[in-house]
Amino acid sequence: MTLALMGWASTVSAQSSVVVVELYTSQGCSSCPPADEILTDIADRDDIIALGLHVDYWDYLGWKDKLAQHSFTERQARYNAIMKSRHRLVTPQMIFQGRDYVAGAKKREALEYIEMLSKMPEGAQLEIKKDGGSLRISLAPNAGSEQQADLHVVRYTEREEVAIKGGENRGKTIHYTNVVTEWATVAEWNGRDILNFSQSIDDDQRVAVIVQARGHGPILAARRLD
């Protein structure tokens, strides 16, 4: 991994936002399959990065979610604290661009949030491209928007099929889309300087790059490499 301040990012143009949708879900939650289906329905849209983050706090109900990570539970809890949600932890829950949320499987509301947020200008200029075994990331500020931010590289699996043998969804086979396997904060950005970054990736990995305002704030820009 290398970090450098160079001029490459200066060629990136401003554009409408690619909206990051984080679905917090669990194999042990009987209310989650309809929300999992919504994520699948929107995942192929070019203006959306749809990510499924499996949490572990329903494992005690009789089925351990093998896709869950406790760090995703912690990420969801931080969101709810910042957004002053009446929910501390609930599934399913969709977080839109780190700004707003919908609890439950509510497709119409989800699409309304996506439409609204996609019209907002991005808070940073971001470009990614694959170069051999590396992912090259270029980041630059937009005029009038100089927020300190964290740079995240998110790895995910396009499809997972799970036969659930216990708990609330016992007997169901559920298809999951864009299951997050790793969410790594790889750099901090001061919001002013041009930043070029290189990250090693495997050929078969699906990757998203997310620039999020410091302190679990709004997502400023995002791109995916399929």
Protein backbone atom coordinates (compact mmCIF):
# COMPACT_ATOMS: atom_id res chain seq x y z
CA MET A 1 0.00 0.00 0.00
CA THR A 2 1.40 3.40 -0.95
CA LEU A 3 0.31 6.95 -0.32
CA ALA A 4 1.29 10.02 -2.31
CA LEU A 5 0.19 13.60 -2.96
CA MET A 6 0.21 14.09 -6.73
CA GLY A 7 -1.75 15.74 -9.51
CA TRP A 8 -3.65 12.84 -11.01
CA ALA A 9 -6.97 13.58 -9.33
CA SER A 10 -7.23 17.09 -10.74
CA THR A 11 -8.76 15.74 -13.97
CA VAL A 12 -11.83 14.27 -12.25
CA SER A 13 -15.04 16.21 -12.94
CA ALA A 14 -17.86 16.90 -10.50
CA GLN A 15 -21.04 14.85 -10.97
CA SER A 16 -24.23 13.81 -9.27
CA SER A 17 -23.83 11.44 -6.38
CA VAL A 18 -23.51 7.69 -6.50
CA VAL A 19 -25.68 6.70 -3.53
CA VAL A 20 -24.33 4.17 -1.02
CA VAL A 21 -27.05 1.99 0.49
CA GLU A 22 -25.97 -0.03 3.53
CA LEU A 23 -28.44 -2.75 4.50
CA TYR A 24 -27.96 -4.07 8.02
CA THR A 25 -29.43 -7.56 7.97
CA SER A 26 -29.26 -10.97 9.63
CA GLN A 27 -30.00 -14.55 8.70
CA GLY A 28 -31.62 -14.88 12.12
CA CYS A 29 -34.19 -12.12 11.51
CA SER A 30 -37.57 -13.13 10.07
CA SER A 31 -38.23 -9.55 8.91
CA CYS A 32 -35.04 -9.35 6.85
CA PRO A 33 -35.68 -11.43 3.68
CA PRO A 34 -37.95 -8.79 2.07
CA ALA A 35 -35.26 -6.15 2.64
CA ASP A 36 -32.61 -8.51 1.23
CA GLU A 37 -34.78 -8.73 -1.90
CA ILE A 38 -34.95 -4.95 -2.17
CA LEU A 39 -31.16 -4.76 -2.04
CA THR A 40 -30.97 -7.34 -4.83
CA ASP A 41 -33.48 -5.36 -6.92
CA ILE A 42 -31.43 -2.13 -6.77
CA ALA A 43 -27.90 -3.57 -6.80
CA ASP A 44 -27.40 -3.41 -10.58
CA ARG A 45 -28.19 0.29 -10.88
CA ASP A 46 -25.20 2.40 -11.93
CA ASP A 47 -26.13 5.20 -9.55
CA ILE A 48 -26.19 2.96 -6.47
CA ILE A 49 -23.62 1.02 -4.47
CA ALA A 50 -25.77 -1.50 -2.57
CA LEU A 51 -24.01 -3.30 0.28
CA GLY A 52 -25.25 -5.98 2.66
CA LEU A 53 -23.72 -5.89 6.13
CA HIS A 54 -24.64 -8.86 8.31
CA VAL A 55 -24.82 -8.24 12.05
CA ASP A 56 -24.40 -10.71 14.88
CA TYR A 57 -26.83 -9.62 17.60
CA TRP A 58 -29.58 -12.07 16.59
CA ASP A 59 -27.31 -15.12 16.67
CA TYR A 60 -28.74 -16.12 20.05
CA LEU A 61 -32.15 -16.82 18.49
CA GLY A 62 -31.01 -20.22 17.26
CA TRP A 63 -29.01 -19.61 14.11
CA LYS A 64 -25.52 -18.15 13.85
CA ASP A 65 -25.20 -15.90 10.81
CA LYS A 66 -21.99 -17.09 9.16
CA LEU A 67 -21.73 -13.87 7.14
CA ALA A 68 -21.94 -11.60 10.19
CA GLN A 69 -19.14 -9.52 11.65
CA HIS A 70 -19.27 -7.74 14.99
CA SER A 71 -17.61 -4.69 13.43
CA PHE A 72 -20.74 -4.23 11.30
CA THR A 73 -22.89 -4.28 14.44
CA GLU A 74 -20.64 -1.56 15.86
CA ARG A 75 -20.87 0.49 12.66
CA GLN A 76 -24.66 0.33 12.72
CA ALA A 77 -24.75 1.31 16.40
CA ARG A 78 -22.60 4.39 15.71
CA TYR A 79 -24.95 5.46 12.92
CA ASN A 80 -27.98 5.20 15.17
CA ALA A 81 -26.28 7.17 17.92
CA ILE A 82 -25.30 9.97 15.53
CA MET A 83 -28.68 10.07 13.78
CA LYS A 84 -30.44 10.03 17.14
CA SER A 85 -32.56 7.15 15.97
CA ARG A 86 -35.08 5.70 18.40
CA HIS A 87 -33.56 2.38 17.36
CA ARG A 88 -30.18 1.45 18.77
CA LEU A 89 -30.03 -1.79 16.82
CA VAL A 90 -32.75 -3.06 14.53
CA THR A 91 -32.93 -5.20 11.43
CA PRO A 92 -33.54 -4.68 8.66
CA GLN A 93 -32.24 -1.13 8.46
CA MET A 94 -31.07 0.72 5.36
CA ILE A 95 -28.68 3.66 5.73
CA PHE A 96 -28.56 6.03 2.76
CA GLN A 97 -25.33 7.94 2.06
CA GLY A 98 -24.57 8.02 5.78
CA ARG A 99 -27.33 10.62 6.14
CA ASP A 100 -30.75 9.01 6.54
CA TYR A 101 -32.26 5.64 7.28
CA VAL A 102 -35.32 3.45 6.84
CA ALA A 103 -36.08 0.70 9.33
CA GLY A 104 -37.97 -2.23 7.82
CA ALA A 105 -38.48 -3.41 4.24
CA LYS A 106 -39.97 -0.26 2.72
CA LYS A 107 -39.07 -0.14 -0.95
CA ARG A 108 -40.99 3.03 -1.84
CA GLU A 109 -39.32 5.00 0.94
CA ALA A 110 -35.93 3.59 0.00
CA LEU A 111 -36.33 4.64 -3.63
CA GLU A 112 -37.43 8.12 -2.56
CA TYR A 113 -34.28 8.57 -0.48
CA ILE A 114 -32.11 7.31 -3.34
CA GLU A 115 -33.73 9.69 -5.84
CA MET A 116 -33.31 12.65 -3.50
CA LEU A 117 -29.70 11.93 -2.59
CA SER A 118 -28.61 11.11 -6.15
CA LYS A 119 -29.45 14.69 -7.14
CA MET A 120 -27.05 16.15 -4.59
CA PRO A 121 -23.56 17.09 -5.83
CA GLU A 122 -20.70 15.00 -4.50
CA GLY A 123 -18.59 16.43 -1.73
CA ALA A 124 -15.31 15.23 -3.28
CA GLN A 125 -13.88 14.19 -6.63
CA LEU A 126 -13.13 10.47 -6.67
CA GLU A 127 -11.78 8.21 -9.40
CA ILE A 128 -10.74 4.57 -9.18
CA LYS A 129 -9.24 2.16 -11.67
CA LYS A 130 -7.62 -1.25 -11.68
CA ASP A 131 -3.95 -1.40 -12.59
CA GLY A 132 -2.67 -4.98 -12.59
CA GLY A 133 -2.99 -6.27 -9.05
CA SER A 134 -3.59 -2.81 -7.60
CA LEU A 135 -6.52 -0.49 -7.21
CA ARG A 136 -5.54 3.10 -7.88
CA ILE A 137 -7.59 5.71 -6.06
CA SER A 138 -7.53 9.42 -6.84
CA LEU A 139 -9.21 11.93 -4.54
CA ALA A 140 -9.50 15.72 -4.74
CA PRO A 141 -11.69 18.38 -3.14
CA ASN A 142 -14.69 19.98 -4.76
CA ALA A 143 -14.91 23.75 -4.64
CA GLY A 144 -16.74 24.85 -1.52
CA SER A 145 -16.53 21.45 0.11
CA GLU A 146 -13.42 20.79 2.19
CA GLN A 147 -14.43 18.24 4.81
CA GLN A 148 -11.96 16.00 6.57
CA ALA A 149 -12.79 12.42 5.67
CA ASP A 150 -11.85 8.77 5.95
CA LEU A 151 -11.09 6.69 2.88
CA HIS A 152 -12.65 3.22 3.01
CA VAL A 153 -12.05 0.21 0.79
CA VAL A 154 -14.93 -2.25 0.96
CA ARG A 155 -14.69 -5.79 -0.36
CA TYR A 156 -17.82 -7.79 -1.05
CA THR A 157 -19.16 -10.97 -2.64
CA GLU A 158 -21.72 -10.54 -5.40
CA ARG A 159 -23.90 -13.51 -4.47
CA GLU A 160 -24.32 -15.84 -1.50
CA GLU A 161 -26.96 -18.54 -1.12
CA VAL A 162 -27.57 -19.82 2.41
CA ALA A 163 -29.78 -22.71 3.54
CA ILE A 164 -30.89 -21.72 7.03
CA LYS A 165 -31.43 -24.64 9.38
CA GLY A 166 -32.41 -22.92 12.61
CA GLY A 167 -33.90 -19.81 14.16
CA GLU A 168 -36.68 -17.63 12.79
CA ASN A 169 -35.89 -18.40 9.13
CA ARG A 170 -35.49 -22.14 9.59
CA GLY A 171 -36.08 -24.10 6.39
CA LYS A 172 -35.56 -21.14 4.06
CA THR A 173 -32.86 -20.77 1.44
CA ILE A 174 -32.07 -17.09 1.09
CA HIS A 175 -30.13 -15.38 -1.68
CA TYR A 176 -27.95 -12.49 -0.57
CA THR A 177 -26.45 -9.78 -2.79
CA ASN A 178 -23.23 -7.79 -2.37
CA VAL A 179 -22.31 -9.31 0.98
CA VAL A 180 -19.57 -7.24 2.61
CA THR A 181 -16.60 -9.34 3.65
CA GLU A 182 -14.25 -6.52 4.69
CA TRP A 183 -14.67 -2.83 5.47
CA ALA A 184 -11.25 -1.24 5.90
CA THR A 185 -10.35 2.36 6.63
CA VAL A 186 -7.16 2.80 4.61
CA ALA A 187 -6.36 6.51 4.84
CA GLU A 188 -7.33 9.83 6.38
CA TRP A 189 -7.86 12.86 4.14
CA ASN A 190 -7.61 16.51 5.14
CA GLY A 191 -10.26 17.55 2.60
CA ARG A 192 -7.93 20.02 0.85
CA ASP A 193 -5.00 18.28 -0.83
CA ILE A 194 -5.02 15.91 -3.77
CA LEU A 195 -4.58 12.33 -2.60
CA ASN A 196 -3.47 9.34 -4.65
CA PHE A 197 -3.57 5.94 -3.03
CA SER A 198 -2.79 2.40 -4.16
CA GLN A 199 -4.35 -0.72 -2.66
CA SER A 200 -3.58 -4.36 -3.51
CA ILE A 201 -6.61 -6.36 -4.69
CA ASP A 202 -7.29 -9.84 -6.02
CA ASP A 203 -8.59 -10.34 -9.55
CA ASP A 204 -11.87 -11.90 -8.40
CA GLN A 205 -12.69 -9.30 -5.77
CA ARG A 206 -15.52 -6.83 -6.03
CA VAL A 207 -14.50 -3.56 -4.45
CA ALA A 208 -16.10 -0.26 -3.52
CA VAL A 209 -14.27 2.88 -2.45
CA ILE A 210 -16.10 5.23 -0.10
CA VAL A 211 -15.11 8.68 1.12
CA GLN A 212 -16.95 9.42 4.36
CA ALA A 213 -16.78 12.59 6.44
CA ARG A 214 -14.79 12.13 9.63
CA GLY A 215 -16.72 10.94 12.66
CA HIS A 216 -19.11 8.65 10.82
CA GLY A 217 -20.56 11.56 8.88
CA PRO A 218 -22.14 11.80 5.43
CA ILE A 219 -20.63 9.95 2.50
CA LEU A 220 -19.00 12.49 0.19
CA ALA A 221 -18.27 10.25 -2.81
CA ALA A 222 -18.19 6.57 -3.75
CA ARG A 223 -17.24 4.34 -6.66
CA ARG A 224 -17.29 0.60 -7.27
CA LEU A 225 -15.03 -1.69 -9.26
CA ASP A 226 -16.92 -4.79 -10.42
